[in-house]
Protein backbone atom coordinates (compact mmCIF):
# COMPACT_ATOMS: atom_id res chain seq x y z
CA MET A 1 0.16 -0.32 -0.14
CA SER A 2 1.35 3.37 -1.21
CA ILE A 3 1.68 6.06 1.92
CA PHE A 4 3.20 9.01 -0.09
CA ALA A 5 2.36 10.45 -3.53
CA ASN A 6 6.14 11.21 -4.38
CA ARG A 7 9.39 12.31 -2.82
CA GLU A 8 8.73 15.57 -2.63
CA ASP A 9 5.37 14.66 -0.65
CA ALA A 10 7.69 12.79 1.63
CA GLY A 11 9.97 15.25 2.09
CA LYS A 12 7.50 17.91 2.95
CA LEU A 13 5.83 15.24 5.60
CA LEU A 14 9.29 14.62 7.02
CA GLY A 15 10.10 18.52 7.08
CA GLU A 16 6.84 19.17 9.23
CA HIS A 17 7.94 16.88 11.49
CA LEU A 18 11.40 18.30 11.65
CA GLN A 19 10.47 21.23 12.39
CA THR A 20 9.78 20.30 15.82
CA LEU A 21 13.46 19.74 16.93
CA GLU A 22 15.55 22.83 17.99
CA LEU A 23 18.20 22.97 15.28
CA ARG A 24 21.53 24.76 15.42
CA ARG A 25 22.45 26.12 12.23
CA PRO A 26 20.75 23.13 10.42
CA LEU A 27 21.78 21.74 7.40
CA VAL A 28 20.10 18.93 5.42
CA LEU A 29 22.20 16.71 3.47
CA GLY A 30 20.51 14.01 0.96
CA ILE A 31 22.20 10.84 -0.06
CA PRO A 32 21.88 10.95 -4.07
CA ARG A 33 19.94 10.69 -6.10
CA GLY A 34 16.47 9.57 -4.28
CA GLY A 35 17.39 11.58 -1.33
CA ILE A 36 17.81 15.24 -3.19
CA PRO A 37 14.14 15.68 -3.91
CA ILE A 38 13.73 14.89 0.20
CA ALA A 39 16.29 16.96 0.99
CA VAL A 40 14.51 20.08 -0.60
CA ALA A 41 11.62 19.70 0.13
CA VAL A 42 12.71 19.17 4.03
CA GLY A 43 14.82 22.09 3.61
CA ARG A 44 12.17 24.60 2.41
CA GLU A 45 10.42 23.37 5.69
CA ILE A 46 12.74 24.53 8.30
CA PRO A 47 14.11 27.78 8.85
CA GLU A 48 17.60 28.63 7.71
CA ALA A 49 18.80 25.45 6.37
CA GLU A 50 20.73 24.75 3.82
CA VAL A 51 20.82 22.14 1.34
CA GLY A 52 23.78 19.74 -0.10
CA VAL A 53 24.74 16.18 -0.92
CA VAL A 54 26.20 13.38 1.24
CA VAL A 55 27.24 10.60 -1.30
CA ALA A 56 27.68 6.89 -0.28
CA ARG A 57 28.56 4.26 -2.60
CA LYS A 58 27.45 0.35 -2.03
CA LEU A 59 30.32 -1.79 -2.09
CA GLY A 60 29.35 -4.58 -4.49
CA ALA A 61 29.95 -8.43 -3.61
CA PRO A 62 32.08 -10.35 -5.76
CA GLY A 63 30.22 -11.33 -9.23
CA GLN A 64 27.05 -9.57 -7.58
CA PRO A 65 27.39 -6.03 -7.80
CA GLU A 66 23.98 -5.28 -7.04
CA LEU A 67 24.52 -7.14 -3.62
CA ALA A 68 26.04 -4.39 -1.30
CA ILE A 69 28.25 -6.16 1.42
CA GLY A 70 28.78 -2.60 2.60
CA ALA A 71 29.09 1.53 1.84
CA VAL A 72 32.15 4.06 1.42
CA THR A 73 31.65 8.12 1.15
CA ALA A 74 34.00 10.80 -0.34
CA ASN A 75 35.63 11.23 2.59
CA GLY A 76 36.43 7.50 3.14
CA ALA A 77 33.86 6.58 6.24
CA TYR A 78 32.93 3.21 5.59
CA PHE A 79 30.37 0.32 6.75
CA VAL A 80 31.39 -3.20 6.16
CA ASP A 81 28.86 -6.23 6.64
CA GLU A 82 31.34 -8.48 7.84
CA PRO A 83 29.38 -11.76 8.24
CA LEU A 84 27.62 -11.00 4.50
CA ALA A 85 30.77 -9.92 2.93
CA ARG A 86 32.67 -13.74 4.08
CA SER A 87 29.54 -15.38 3.00
CA THR A 88 30.25 -13.83 -0.73
CA GLY A 89 33.69 -14.80 -1.09
CA ALA A 90 34.85 -11.13 -0.39
CA ASN A 91 38.30 -11.62 1.03
CA ALA A 92 40.58 -8.66 2.78
CA ASN A 93 42.12 -7.76 -0.63
CA TYR A 94 38.58 -7.92 -2.31
CA VAL A 95 37.01 -5.59 0.36
CA HIS A 96 40.42 -3.21 0.07
CA ASP A 97 39.95 -2.70 -3.42
CA GLU A 98 36.19 -2.18 -3.78
CA LEU A 99 36.93 0.09 -0.89
CA ARG A 100 39.04 2.62 -3.12
CA ARG A 101 37.17 2.28 -6.25
CA GLN A 102 33.83 2.98 -5.03
CA GLN A 103 35.44 5.77 -2.93
CA ALA A 104 37.13 7.34 -6.33
CA GLU A 105 33.39 7.15 -7.39
CA ALA A 106 31.77 9.12 -4.24
CA ARG A 107 34.33 11.85 -4.60
CA ARG A 108 33.78 12.10 -8.44
CA ARG A 109 29.52 12.41 -7.86
CA GLU A 110 30.01 14.60 -5.16
CA GLU A 111 31.87 16.97 -7.08
CA GLN A 112 29.25 16.52 -9.78
CA PHE A 113 26.35 16.95 -7.73
CA ASP A 114 27.47 19.97 -5.05
CA GLY A 115 31.25 20.56 -5.89
CA HIS A 116 30.71 24.62 -5.89
CA ARG A 117 28.47 24.84 -3.57
CA ARG A 118 28.78 22.16 -0.50
CA PRO A 119 27.94 23.75 2.57
CA ASP A 120 30.82 23.74 5.42
CA VAL A 121 29.71 21.01 8.09
CA ALA A 122 31.90 21.76 11.71
CA GLY A 123 29.69 22.39 14.32
CA ARG A 124 26.35 22.31 12.50
CA ASP A 125 23.37 20.31 13.14
CA VAL A 126 23.10 17.34 10.41
CA ILE A 127 19.79 15.90 8.91
CA ILE A 128 20.76 13.56 6.61
CA VAL A 129 18.25 12.03 4.28
CA ASP A 130 17.08 9.44 1.85
CA ASP A 131 13.81 8.40 0.36
CA GLY A 132 13.94 5.27 2.25
CA VAL A 133 16.10 2.79 3.68
CA ALA A 134 16.58 -0.69 3.34
CA THR A 135 19.81 -2.36 4.36
CA GLY A 136 21.35 0.23 6.08
CA ALA A 137 24.16 0.53 4.78
CA THR A 138 24.93 3.53 2.63
CA ALA A 139 22.85 4.86 5.76
CA ILE A 140 25.41 4.08 8.04
CA ALA A 141 28.24 5.05 6.27
CA ALA A 142 26.93 8.72 5.59
CA ILE A 143 26.23 9.19 8.88
CA ARG A 144 29.75 8.01 10.05
CA ALA A 145 31.12 10.41 7.25
CA ILE A 146 29.14 13.50 8.51
CA LYS A 147 30.00 12.76 12.40
CA ALA A 148 33.86 12.86 10.95
CA ALA A 149 33.56 15.79 9.33
CA GLY A 150 32.99 17.54 12.72
CA ALA A 151 29.10 17.57 12.76
CA ARG A 152 27.71 19.05 16.46
CA CYS A 153 24.83 16.64 16.07
CA VAL A 154 23.74 14.28 13.37
CA CYS A 155 19.91 13.02 12.89
CA PHE A 156 18.84 10.40 9.94
CA ALA A 157 15.66 11.16 8.79
CA ILE A 158 13.70 8.96 6.11
CA PRO A 159 10.05 8.41 5.00
CA VAL A 160 10.21 4.83 5.38
CA GLY A 161 11.94 1.71 6.76
CA PRO A 162 12.05 -1.83 8.29
CA PRO A 163 11.79 -1.77 12.16
CA SER A 164 14.87 -3.74 11.85
CA THR A 165 17.12 -1.87 9.99
CA ILE A 166 16.46 1.15 12.04
CA ARG A 167 17.17 -0.62 15.36
CA GLN A 168 20.79 -1.35 13.65
CA LEU A 169 21.04 2.66 12.62
CA THR A 170 19.96 3.66 15.92
CA PRO A 171 23.69 3.24 17.66
CA GLU A 172 25.21 5.06 14.77
CA ALA A 173 23.50 8.72 14.93
CA ASP A 174 22.69 11.28 17.58
CA LYS A 175 18.73 10.71 16.54
CA ILE A 176 16.90 8.83 14.21
CA ILE A 177 13.57 9.73 12.73
CA CYS A 178 11.26 7.31 10.55
CA LEU A 179 7.68 8.78 9.66
CA HIS A 180 6.61 4.63 8.94
CA GLN A 181 8.01 1.64 9.83
CA PRO A 182 6.01 -0.99 8.24
CA GLY A 183 5.68 -4.63 9.59
CA TYR A 184 6.05 -6.44 6.12
CA PHE A 185 8.91 -4.35 3.93
CA ARG A 186 9.58 -5.48 0.48
CA SER A 187 10.90 -2.34 -1.14
CA VAL A 188 11.14 1.42 -0.52
CA GLY A 189 9.14 1.93 -3.96
CA GLN A 190 6.40 0.33 -2.63
CA PHE A 191 5.00 2.92 -0.39
CA TYR A 192 5.27 5.55 -2.99
CA ARG A 193 2.46 5.83 -5.97
CA ASP A 194 5.54 7.75 -7.91
CA PHE A 195 8.78 6.32 -7.37
CA ARG A 196 10.70 6.86 -10.85
CA ALA A 197 13.99 7.31 -10.78
CA VAL A 198 15.66 10.93 -10.56
CA PRO A 199 18.29 11.39 -13.28
CA ASP A 200 21.36 13.28 -12.45
CA ASP A 201 20.41 16.50 -14.44
CA GLU A 202 17.29 16.67 -12.27
CA ALA A 203 19.20 16.02 -8.82
CA ILE A 204 21.78 19.22 -9.93
CA ARG A 205 18.61 21.41 -11.10
CA LEU A 206 16.96 20.46 -7.72
CA LEU A 207 19.87 21.60 -5.79
CA ALA A 208 20.69 24.51 -7.80
CA SER A 209 17.21 25.98 -7.48
CA PHE A 210 16.88 25.51 -3.73
CA ARG A 211 16.06 28.56 -1.55
CA PRO A 212 15.61 28.52 2.53
CA PRO A 213 12.52 29.46 3.66
CA MET A 214 10.92 33.17 3.02
CA GLY A 215 11.83 35.38 5.88
CA THR A 216 14.50 33.78 7.96
CA ALA A 217 17.61 34.95 9.28
CA LEU A 218 19.64 33.02 6.54
CA ASP A 219 17.72 35.47 4.20
CA GLU A 220 18.67 38.35 6.16
CA ARG A 221 22.30 37.75 6.08
CA GLU A 222 22.49 37.38 2.24
CA SER A 223 20.20 40.63 1.96
């Protein structure tokens, strides 16, 4: 059963929920690409928010690139599901090489999406968002990356995710917000009426078009 009309609808609902938090210099970071429409919609609901990206790349299993045994970010923060990696035959050398390859790709994509306007993270309250979570590998890597970059507080916020994954994520972030935790979870897309892919050019356009809510202190500083 669908819960959200599309990512913009989910992001608006998530943003309304996040308005209740007391945030210091809020920064909303979307995990590309599906997390970017969420981030922009959330940012429009939070006074003084800035919006950017944090890229986390899945680590593919040997011979099964779509099976994630972990994830890594542009700054090298990573997560590896060790039992799963061993079960797929991913030894230490394989994991090392996959980490190196995917970190390089994360750097390239982070520059592509947000290289000329990436907000500073240090000392800020950061909200990492995505359109949902399944295994949690990219979420954990993203949270670790932003903590390592010096964020004051890291909140991971999503419209939907299975309870088991939310429990796994809870020790990683300072706060976890998930609007819907269904007992039966097959995929993130089943909870959206419109879950079409977000092309790179659309993601870049959305980031470039973001403006903070009118009348905020950020607007005043820029005037």
